[in-house]
Amino acid sequence: MAHVAKEHKGRLDWFDCWDIGKLFTTLAYRDGDMPRFYSGRDMVEEALHMHIEEEPEDLVMRAKVHDSLAECYLVVKEYEGAEEHFAAAYNLMLTTLGRMSPLFGRQARHSAELMIAQGKHEEALPFLGEALTVEAAKDAPSVRDLTEVVDLLVESQQRSSTEAARWQTSSHRALRTLRKNLKARGMVDSPDFGILCHKMSLIYMHEYGRDPKGMRRARRLAKRSVRVLRNARGEKGVDEWLQMVEMHFRMLSSAAGRAAR
């Protein structure tokens, strides 16, 4: 492929190096051919240098190449290189597109996944909050994509210290936007939405230490989850989820009853 591109154009340009390098690294890593993998990564790095020289004004594309190179470091657990290039991509997306851009949201998630890969769950939380804010407000929201981000957030909350939960920014605004966005598009009756409500309830539980309304919001979402999943009884996987969700709702109701005494 590289030979054909070079024969056709006379030389490989930055896009050829990026495109072919990504393909080489993907196939080589799959096949366990590490010398070829590192050769492919070198091509991606060369593409970055060429792009900076040839198209210095295109900062969004530069961020995309940084991101590809970061993934090449991450997959082999070379975290220092991954962090350098993910950080460069994150900063470029932030300064050029702003915090509400889908591309910035994806970049924030990649930075979070780097922290999670290293067991730095507390450091992942701010990035996940940014990713959730973007996903929640998208013009074409996806329950699946939202659930993936919420899953990462819940996992990182569970693995973080209680002290970290106290200083972390509340997720309430993003979760409220999420619910309004899905409701406006008629996406609040599916089993997937019921499961998402359960997971949002878990987020509020973890944030209860700094948000007195957290437990009440958690219970409200748990109740909604139960209602949606009961309406979907018999569908694949729903009955198992319903048992878990009902138990969660009973626990929150019991805690609310004790608090009211």
C-alpha atoms as a PDB file:
ATOM      1  CA  MET A   1       0.000   0.000   0.000  1.00  0.00           C
ATOM      2  CA  ALA A   2       2.790   2.421   0.896  1.00  0.00           C
ATOM      3  CA  HIS A   3       4.617   1.468  -2.315  1.00  0.00           C
ATOM      4  CA  VAL A   4       1.521   2.137  -4.445  1.00  0.00           C
ATOM      5  CA  ALA A   5       0.935   5.544  -2.829  1.00  0.00           C
ATOM      6  CA  LYS A   6       4.578   6.500  -3.330  1.00  0.00           C
ATOM      7  CA  GLU A   7       4.599   5.366  -6.966  1.00  0.00           C
ATOM      8  CA  HIS A   8       1.421   7.328  -7.684  1.00  0.00           C
ATOM      9  CA  LYS A   9       2.411  10.597  -5.981  1.00  0.00           C
ATOM     10  CA  GLY A  10       6.178  10.435  -6.160  1.00  0.00           C
ATOM     11  CA  ARG A  11       6.456  10.570  -2.361  1.00  0.00           C
ATOM     12  CA  LEU A  12       4.321   9.921   0.682  1.00  0.00           C
ATOM     13  CA  ASP A  13       2.605  12.998   2.068  1.00  0.00           C
ATOM     14  CA  TRP A  14       1.613  13.406   5.720  1.00  0.00           C
ATOM     15  CA  PHE A  15      -1.845  11.924   5.183  1.00  0.00           C
ATOM     16  CA  ASP A  16      -0.397   8.828   3.492  1.00  0.00           C
ATOM     17  CA  CYS A  17       2.007   8.321   6.410  1.00  0.00           C
ATOM     18  CA  TRP A  18      -0.816   8.759   8.924  1.00  0.00           C
ATOM     19  CA  ASP A  19      -3.265   6.502   7.113  1.00  0.00           C
ATOM     20  CA  ILE A  20      -0.789   3.745   6.287  1.00  0.00           C
ATOM     21  CA  GLY A  21       0.885   3.959   9.703  1.00  0.00           C
ATOM     22  CA  LYS A  22      -2.454   3.478  11.473  1.00  0.00           C
ATOM     23  CA  LEU A  23      -3.222   0.462   9.302  1.00  0.00           C
ATOM     24  CA  PHE A  24       0.215  -1.074   9.883  1.00  0.00           C
ATOM     25  CA  THR A  25       0.015  -0.658  13.656  1.00  0.00           C
ATOM     26  CA  THR A  26      -3.503  -2.126  13.822  1.00  0.00           C
ATOM     27  CA  LEU A  27      -2.682  -5.206  11.750  1.00  0.00           C
ATOM     28  CA  ALA A  28       0.756  -5.737  13.290  1.00  0.00           C
ATOM     29  CA  TYR A  29      -0.563  -5.514  16.873  1.00  0.00           C
ATOM     30  CA  ARG A  30      -3.341  -7.959  15.992  1.00  0.00           C
ATOM     31  CA  ASP A  31      -0.789 -10.394  14.564  1.00  0.00           C
ATOM     32  CA  GLY A  32       1.744  -9.914  17.367  1.00  0.00           C
ATOM     33  CA  ASP A  33       4.313  -8.547  14.898  1.00  0.00           C
ATOM     34  CA  MET A  34       5.856  -5.930  17.167  1.00  0.00           C
ATOM     35  CA  PRO A  35       8.758  -4.836  14.903  1.00  0.00           C
ATOM     36  CA  ARG A  36       6.185  -4.003  12.240  1.00  0.00           C
ATOM     37  CA  PHE A  37       4.006  -2.328  14.865  1.00  0.00           C
ATOM     38  CA  TYR A  38       6.827   0.017  15.896  1.00  0.00           C
ATOM     39  CA  SER A  39       7.594   0.763  12.233  1.00  0.00           C
ATOM     40  CA  GLY A  40       3.956   1.733  11.772  1.00  0.00           C
ATOM     41  CA  ARG A  41       4.082   3.923  14.879  1.00  0.00           C
ATOM     42  CA  ASP A  42       7.162   5.653  13.488  1.00  0.00           C
ATOM     43  CA  MET A  43       5.158   6.432  10.345  1.00  0.00           C
ATOM     44  CA  VAL A  44       2.389   8.032  12.431  1.00  0.00           C
ATOM     45  CA  GLU A  45       4.982  10.102  14.283  1.00  0.00           C
ATOM     46  CA  GLU A  46       6.556  11.167  11.019  1.00  0.00           C
ATOM     47  CA  ALA A  47       3.091  12.120   9.765  1.00  0.00           C
ATOM     48  CA  LEU A  48       2.690  14.412  12.774  1.00  0.00           C
ATOM     49  CA  HIS A  49       5.974  16.212  12.074  1.00  0.00           C
ATOM     50  CA  MET A  50       5.129  16.541   8.368  1.00  0.00           C
ATOM     51  CA  HIS A  51       1.671  17.896   9.126  1.00  0.00           C
ATOM     52  CA  ILE A  52       3.014  20.525  11.530  1.00  0.00           C
ATOM     53  CA  GLU A  53       5.434  21.681   8.856  1.00  0.00           C
ATOM     54  CA  GLU A  54       3.064  21.563   5.877  1.00  0.00           C
ATOM     55  CA  GLU A  55      -0.261  22.639   7.420  1.00  0.00           C
ATOM     56  CA  PRO A  56       0.569  24.468  10.662  1.00  0.00           C
ATOM     57  CA  GLU A  57      -2.789  26.268  10.716  1.00  0.00           C
ATOM     58  CA  ASP A  58      -4.905  23.073  10.794  1.00  0.00           C
ATOM     59  CA  LEU A  59      -4.906  22.505  14.543  1.00  0.00           C
ATOM     60  CA  VAL A  60      -7.915  20.156  14.603  1.00  0.00           C
ATOM     61  CA  MET A  61      -6.269  17.717  12.220  1.00  0.00           C
ATOM     62  CA  ARG A  62      -3.046  17.994  14.196  1.00  0.00           C
ATOM     63  CA  ALA A  63      -5.009  17.001  17.291  1.00  0.00           C
ATOM     64  CA  LYS A  64      -6.360  13.944  15.464  1.00  0.00           C
ATOM     65  CA  VAL A  65      -2.863  12.817  14.525  1.00  0.00           C
ATOM     66  CA  HIS A  66      -1.679  13.370  18.121  1.00  0.00           C
ATOM     67  CA  ASP A  67      -4.603  11.219  19.262  1.00  0.00           C
ATOM     68  CA  SER A  68      -3.708   8.395  16.876  1.00  0.00           C
ATOM     69  CA  LEU A  69      -0.098   8.470  18.041  1.00  0.00           C
ATOM     70  CA  ALA A  70      -1.198   8.458  21.682  1.00  0.00           C
ATOM     71  CA  GLU A  71      -3.247   5.322  21.072  1.00  0.00           C
ATOM     72  CA  CYS A  72      -0.157   3.653  19.591  1.00  0.00           C
ATOM     73  CA  TYR A  73       1.659   4.305  22.876  1.00  0.00           C
ATOM     74  CA  LEU A  74      -1.283   3.358  25.062  1.00  0.00           C
ATOM     75  CA  VAL A  75      -1.857  -0.042  23.519  1.00  0.00           C
ATOM     76  CA  VAL A  76       1.675  -1.122  24.512  1.00  0.00           C
ATOM     77  CA  LYS A  77       1.376   0.540  27.946  1.00  0.00           C
ATOM     78  CA  GLU A  78       3.946   3.228  27.260  1.00  0.00           C
ATOM     79  CA  TYR A  79       1.994   5.697  29.327  1.00  0.00           C
ATOM     80  CA  GLU A  80       4.409   8.620  29.238  1.00  0.00           C
ATOM     81  CA  GLY A  81       4.233   8.861  25.449  1.00  0.00           C
ATOM     82  CA  ALA A  82       0.472   8.334  25.502  1.00  0.00           C
ATOM     83  CA  GLU A  83      -0.003  11.112  28.050  1.00  0.00           C
ATOM     84  CA  GLU A  84       2.137  13.557  26.063  1.00  0.00           C
ATOM     85  CA  HIS A  85       0.111  13.135  22.883  1.00  0.00           C
ATOM     86  CA  PHE A  86      -3.333  12.794  24.487  1.00  0.00           C
ATOM     87  CA  ALA A  87      -2.636  16.027  26.393  1.00  0.00           C
ATOM     88  CA  ALA A  88      -1.589  17.784  23.182  1.00  0.00           C
ATOM     89  CA  ALA A  89      -4.756  16.599  21.425  1.00  0.00           C
ATOM     90  CA  TYR A  90      -6.952  17.593  24.386  1.00  0.00           C
ATOM     91  CA  ASN A  91      -5.506  21.116  24.562  1.00  0.00           C
ATOM     92  CA  LEU A  92      -5.781  21.653  20.813  1.00  0.00           C
ATOM     93  CA  MET A  93      -9.410  20.505  20.720  1.00  0.00           C
ATOM     94  CA  LEU A  94     -10.234  22.691  23.711  1.00  0.00           C
ATOM     95  CA  THR A  95      -8.674  25.859  22.321  1.00  0.00           C
ATOM     96  CA  THR A  96      -9.972  25.433  18.757  1.00  0.00           C
ATOM     97  CA  LEU A  97     -13.435  23.880  19.207  1.00  0.00           C
ATOM     98  CA  GLY A  98     -14.444  24.512  22.822  1.00  0.00           C
ATOM     99  CA  ARG A  99     -15.800  22.355  25.620  1.00  0.00           C
ATOM    100  CA  MET A 100     -19.109  21.444  23.962  1.00  0.00           C
ATOM    101  CA  SER A 101     -17.654  20.052  20.752  1.00  0.00           C
ATOM    102  CA  PRO A 102     -18.209  16.303  20.216  1.00  0.00           C
ATOM    103  CA  LEU A 103     -14.550  16.030  19.217  1.00  0.00           C
ATOM    104  CA  PHE A 104     -13.498  17.607  22.504  1.00  0.00           C
ATOM    105  CA  GLY A 105     -15.824  15.256  24.388  1.00  0.00           C
ATOM    106  CA  ARG A 106     -14.229  12.265  22.707  1.00  0.00           C
ATOM    107  CA  GLN A 107     -10.783  13.610  23.535  1.00  0.00           C
ATOM    108  CA  ALA A 108     -11.731  14.085  27.185  1.00  0.00           C
ATOM    109  CA  ARG A 109     -12.896  10.470  27.272  1.00  0.00           C
ATOM    110  CA  HIS A 110      -9.607   9.275  25.781  1.00  0.00           C
ATOM    111  CA  SER A 111      -7.721  11.178  28.493  1.00  0.00           C
ATOM    112  CA  ALA A 112      -9.934   9.531  31.109  1.00  0.00           C
ATOM    113  CA  GLU A 113      -9.293   6.084  29.662  1.00  0.00           C
ATOM    114  CA  LEU A 114      -5.541   6.719  29.893  1.00  0.00           C
ATOM    115  CA  MET A 115      -5.907   7.546  33.600  1.00  0.00           C
ATOM    116  CA  ILE A 116      -8.081   4.464  34.172  1.00  0.00           C
ATOM    117  CA  ALA A 117      -5.549   2.232  32.401  1.00  0.00           C
ATOM    118  CA  GLN A 118      -2.974   3.371  34.971  1.00  0.00           C
ATOM    119  CA  GLY A 119      -5.354   2.930  37.909  1.00  0.00           C
ATOM    120  CA  LYS A 120      -5.606   6.715  38.402  1.00  0.00           C
ATOM    121  CA  HIS A 121      -9.373   6.759  38.821  1.00  0.00           C
ATOM    122  CA  GLU A 122      -9.539  10.013  40.761  1.00  0.00           C
ATOM    123  CA  GLU A 123      -7.653  11.797  37.993  1.00  0.00           C
ATOM    124  CA  ALA A 124     -10.062  10.309  35.444  1.00  0.00           C
ATOM    125  CA  LEU A 125     -13.130  11.874  37.098  1.00  0.00           C
ATOM    126  CA  PRO A 126     -12.775  15.447  35.730  1.00  0.00           C
ATOM    127  CA  PHE A 127     -12.262  14.152  32.187  1.00  0.00           C
ATOM    128  CA  LEU A 128     -15.284  11.870  32.485  1.00  0.00           C
ATOM    129  CA  GLY A 129     -17.361  14.788  33.723  1.00  0.00           C
ATOM    130  CA  GLU A 130     -16.399  16.747  30.612  1.00  0.00           C
ATOM    131  CA  ALA A 131     -17.160  13.788  28.341  1.00  0.00           C
ATOM    132  CA  LEU A 132     -20.568  13.309  29.983  1.00  0.00           C
ATOM    133  CA  THR A 133     -21.437  16.997  29.604  1.00  0.00           C
ATOM    134  CA  VAL A 134     -20.815  16.784  25.857  1.00  0.00           C
ATOM    135  CA  GLU A 135     -22.627  13.466  25.338  1.00  0.00           C
ATOM    136  CA  ALA A 136     -25.642  14.664  27.324  1.00  0.00           C
ATOM    137  CA  ALA A 137     -26.176  17.726  25.119  1.00  0.00           C
ATOM    138  CA  LYS A 138     -25.613  16.191  21.676  1.00  0.00           C
ATOM    139  CA  ASP A 139     -28.127  16.925  18.940  1.00  0.00           C
ATOM    140  CA  ALA A 140     -28.236  13.209  18.183  1.00  0.00           C
ATOM    141  CA  PRO A 141     -27.754  11.539  21.578  1.00  0.00           C
ATOM    142  CA  SER A 142     -27.043   7.822  21.808  1.00  0.00           C
ATOM    143  CA  VAL A 143     -28.198   5.863  24.858  1.00  0.00           C
ATOM    144  CA  ARG A 144     -25.409   3.372  24.214  1.00  0.00           C
ATOM    145  CA  ASP A 145     -22.691   6.049  24.119  1.00  0.00           C
ATOM    146  CA  LEU A 146     -24.138   7.739  27.192  1.00  0.00           C
ATOM    147  CA  THR A 147     -24.200   4.434  29.058  1.00  0.00           C
ATOM    148  CA  GLU A 148     -20.552   3.793  28.216  1.00  0.00           C
ATOM    149  CA  VAL A 149     -19.495   7.133  29.694  1.00  0.00           C
ATOM    150  CA  VAL A 150     -21.741   6.692  32.741  1.00  0.00           C
ATOM    151  CA  ASP A 151     -20.283   3.207  33.292  1.00  0.00           C
ATOM    152  CA  LEU A 152     -16.760   4.630  33.326  1.00  0.00           C
ATOM    153  CA  LEU A 153     -17.828   7.382  35.699  1.00  0.00           C
ATOM    154  CA  VAL A 154     -19.494   4.975  38.137  1.00  0.00           C
ATOM    155  CA  GLU A 155     -16.481   2.657  38.062  1.00  0.00           C
ATOM    156  CA  SER A 156     -14.072   5.513  38.737  1.00  0.00           C
ATOM    157  CA  GLN A 157     -16.257   6.834  41.555  1.00  0.00           C
ATOM    158  CA  GLN A 158     -16.300   3.389  43.149  1.00  0.00           C
ATOM    159  CA  ARG A 159     -12.518   3.147  42.942  1.00  0.00           C
ATOM    160  CA  SER A 160     -11.853   6.657  44.240  1.00  0.00           C
ATOM    161  CA  SER A 161     -11.525   7.757  47.828  1.00  0.00           C
ATOM    162  CA  THR A 162     -14.398   9.352  49.734  1.00  0.00           C
ATOM    163  CA  GLU A 163     -12.353  12.530  49.964  1.00  0.00           C
ATOM    164  CA  ALA A 164     -12.050  12.699  46.161  1.00  0.00           C
ATOM    165  CA  ALA A 165     -15.821  12.475  45.823  1.00  0.00           C
ATOM    166  CA  ARG A 166     -16.209  15.553  48.006  1.00  0.00           C
ATOM    167  CA  TRP A 167     -14.180  17.888  45.802  1.00  0.00           C
ATOM    168  CA  GLN A 168     -15.279  16.483  42.452  1.00  0.00           C
ATOM    169  CA  THR A 169     -17.680  18.670  40.457  1.00  0.00           C
ATOM    170  CA  SER A 170     -21.297  17.521  40.656  1.00  0.00           C
ATOM    171  CA  SER A 171     -22.708  15.583  37.711  1.00  0.00           C
ATOM    172  CA  HIS A 172     -26.237  16.867  38.319  1.00  0.00           C
ATOM    173  CA  ARG A 173     -26.317  19.492  35.573  1.00  0.00           C
ATOM    174  CA  ALA A 174     -25.104  17.029  32.935  1.00  0.00           C
ATOM    175  CA  LEU A 175     -27.497  14.302  34.109  1.00  0.00           C
ATOM    176  CA  ARG A 176     -30.431  16.712  34.082  1.00  0.00           C
ATOM    177  CA  THR A 177     -29.526  17.793  30.530  1.00  0.00           C
ATOM    178  CA  LEU A 178     -29.223  14.145  29.538  1.00  0.00           C
ATOM    179  CA  ARG A 179     -32.725  13.288  30.747  1.00  0.00           C
ATOM    180  CA  LYS A 180     -34.307  16.358  29.128  1.00  0.00           C
ATOM    181  CA  ASN A 181     -32.507  15.675  25.856  1.00  0.00           C
ATOM    182  CA  LEU A 182     -33.639  12.049  25.659  1.00  0.00           C
ATOM    183  CA  LYS A 183     -37.185  12.911  26.722  1.00  0.00           C
ATOM    184  CA  ALA A 184     -37.490  15.562  23.999  1.00  0.00           C
ATOM    185  CA  ARG A 185     -36.569  12.903  21.443  1.00  0.00           C
ATOM    186  CA  GLY A 186     -38.901  10.202  22.768  1.00  0.00           C
ATOM    187  CA  MET A 187     -36.047   7.971  23.928  1.00  0.00           C
ATOM    188  CA  VAL A 188     -37.147   7.312  27.518  1.00  0.00           C
ATOM    189  CA  ASP A 189     -39.194   4.115  27.265  1.00  0.00           C
ATOM    190  CA  SER A 190     -36.649   1.505  26.188  1.00  0.00           C
ATOM    191  CA  PRO A 191     -35.032  -1.075  28.496  1.00  0.00           C
ATOM    192  CA  ASP A 192     -31.670   0.533  27.723  1.00  0.00           C
ATOM    193  CA  PHE A 193     -32.949   3.816  29.137  1.00  0.00           C
ATOM    194  CA  GLY A 194     -34.206   1.986  32.234  1.00  0.00           C
ATOM    195  CA  ILE A 195     -30.739   0.530  32.781  1.00  0.00           C
ATOM    196  CA  LEU A 196     -29.190   3.969  32.206  1.00  0.00           C
ATOM    197  CA  CYS A 197     -31.487   5.423  34.892  1.00  0.00           C
ATOM    198  CA  HIS A 198     -30.209   2.812  37.346  1.00  0.00           C
ATOM    199  CA  LYS A 199     -26.613   3.756  36.601  1.00  0.00           C
ATOM    200  CA  MET A 200     -27.342   7.479  36.917  1.00  0.00           C
ATOM    201  CA  SER A 201     -28.848   6.683  40.304  1.00  0.00           C
ATOM    202  CA  LEU A 202     -25.506   5.179  41.314  1.00  0.00           C
ATOM    203  CA  ILE A 203     -23.728   8.400  40.354  1.00  0.00           C
ATOM    204  CA  TYR A 204     -25.988  10.413  42.653  1.00  0.00           C
ATOM    205  CA  MET A 205     -25.368   7.930  45.465  1.00  0.00           C
ATOM    206  CA  HIS A 206     -21.618   8.428  45.185  1.00  0.00           C
ATOM    207  CA  GLU A 207     -22.055  12.221  45.171  1.00  0.00           C
ATOM    208  CA  TYR A 208     -24.301  12.253  48.234  1.00  0.00           C
ATOM    209  CA  GLY A 209     -21.426  13.286  50.521  1.00  0.00           C
ATOM    210  CA  ARG A 210     -21.295  16.789  49.022  1.00  0.00           C
ATOM    211  CA  ASP A 211     -24.838  17.053  47.642  1.00  0.00           C
ATOM    212  CA  PRO A 212     -27.622  16.659  50.250  1.00  0.00           C
ATOM    213  CA  LYS A 213     -30.126  16.183  47.431  1.00  0.00           C
ATOM    214  CA  GLY A 214     -28.123  13.330  45.956  1.00  0.00           C
ATOM    215  CA  MET A 215     -29.945  10.528  47.755  1.00  0.00           C
ATOM    216  CA  ARG A 216     -33.373  11.879  46.817  1.00  0.00           C
ATOM    217  CA  ARG A 217     -32.313  12.188  43.185  1.00  0.00           C
ATOM    218  CA  ALA A 218     -30.853   8.681  43.298  1.00  0.00           C
ATOM    219  CA  ARG A 219     -34.143   7.264  44.606  1.00  0.00           C
ATOM    220  CA  ARG A 220     -36.165   9.121  41.972  1.00  0.00           C
ATOM    221  CA  LEU A 221     -34.076   7.673  39.166  1.00  0.00           C
ATOM    222  CA  ALA A 222     -34.175   4.198  40.705  1.00  0.00           C
ATOM    223  CA  LYS A 223     -37.975   4.415  40.777  1.00  0.00           C
ATOM    224  CA  ARG A 224     -38.026   5.461  37.123  1.00  0.00           C
ATOM    225  CA  SER A 225     -35.729   2.565  36.270  1.00  0.00           C
ATOM    226  CA  VAL A 226     -38.051   0.087  37.973  1.00  0.00           C
ATOM    227  CA  ARG A 227     -41.081   1.448  36.125  1.00  0.00           C
ATOM    228  CA  VAL A 228     -39.429   1.323  32.683  1.00  0.00           C
ATOM    229  CA  LEU A 229     -38.033  -2.178  33.176  1.00  0.00           C
ATOM    230  CA  ARG A 230     -41.314  -3.556  34.528  1.00  0.00           C
ATOM    231  CA  ASN A 231     -42.966  -2.418  31.329  1.00  0.00           C
ATOM    232  CA  ALA A 232     -40.358  -4.374  29.355  1.00  0.00           C
ATOM    233  CA  ARG A 233     -40.624  -7.671  31.253  1.00  0.00           C
ATOM    234  CA  GLY A 234     -39.857 -10.680  29.108  1.00  0.00           C
ATOM    235  CA  GLU A 235     -37.440  -8.925  26.803  1.00  0.00           C
ATOM    236  CA  LYS A 236     -33.936 -10.340  26.637  1.00  0.00           C
ATOM    237  CA  GLY A 237     -31.927  -9.619  29.794  1.00  0.00           C
ATOM    238  CA  VAL A 238     -34.580  -7.382  31.336  1.00  0.00           C
ATOM    239  CA  ASP A 239     -35.727  -9.704  34.128  1.00  0.00           C
ATOM    240  CA  GLU A 240     -32.203 -10.025  35.543  1.00  0.00           C
ATOM    241  CA  TRP A 241     -31.723  -6.258  35.477  1.00  0.00           C
ATOM    242  CA  LEU A 242     -35.134  -5.734  37.056  1.00  0.00           C
ATOM    243  CA  GLN A 243     -34.235  -7.867  40.079  1.00  0.00           C
ATOM    244  CA  MET A 244     -31.110  -5.805  40.678  1.00  0.00           C
ATOM    245  CA  VAL A 245     -32.882  -2.486  40.143  1.00  0.00           C
ATOM    246  CA  GLU A 246     -35.759  -3.361  42.480  1.00  0.00           C
ATOM    247  CA  MET A 247     -33.286  -4.307  45.199  1.00  0.00           C
ATOM    248  CA  HIS A 248     -31.473  -0.998  44.689  1.00  0.00           C
ATOM    249  CA  PHE A 249     -34.749   0.927  44.892  1.00  0.00           C
ATOM    250  CA  ARG A 250     -35.791  -0.853  48.114  1.00  0.00           C
ATOM    251  CA  MET A 251     -32.435  -0.016  49.673  1.00  0.00           C
ATOM    252  CA  LEU A 252     -32.779   3.673  48.808  1.00  0.00           C
ATOM    253  CA  SER A 253     -36.393   3.754  50.028  1.00  0.00           C
ATOM    254  CA  SER A 254     -35.346   2.194  53.324  1.00  0.00           C
ATOM    255  CA  ALA A 255     -32.549   4.750  53.732  1.00  0.00           C
ATOM    256  CA  ALA A 256     -34.969   7.585  52.968  1.00  0.00           C
ATOM    257  CA  GLY A 257     -37.395   6.251  55.575  1.00  0.00           C
ATOM    258  CA  ARG A 258     -34.720   6.163  58.256  1.00  0.00           C
ATOM    259  CA  ALA A 259     -33.595   9.681  57.400  1.00  0.00           C
ATOM    260  CA  ALA A 260     -37.144  10.980  57.752  1.00  0.00           C
ATOM    261  CA  ARG A 261     -37.555   9.718  61.315  1.00  0.00           C
END
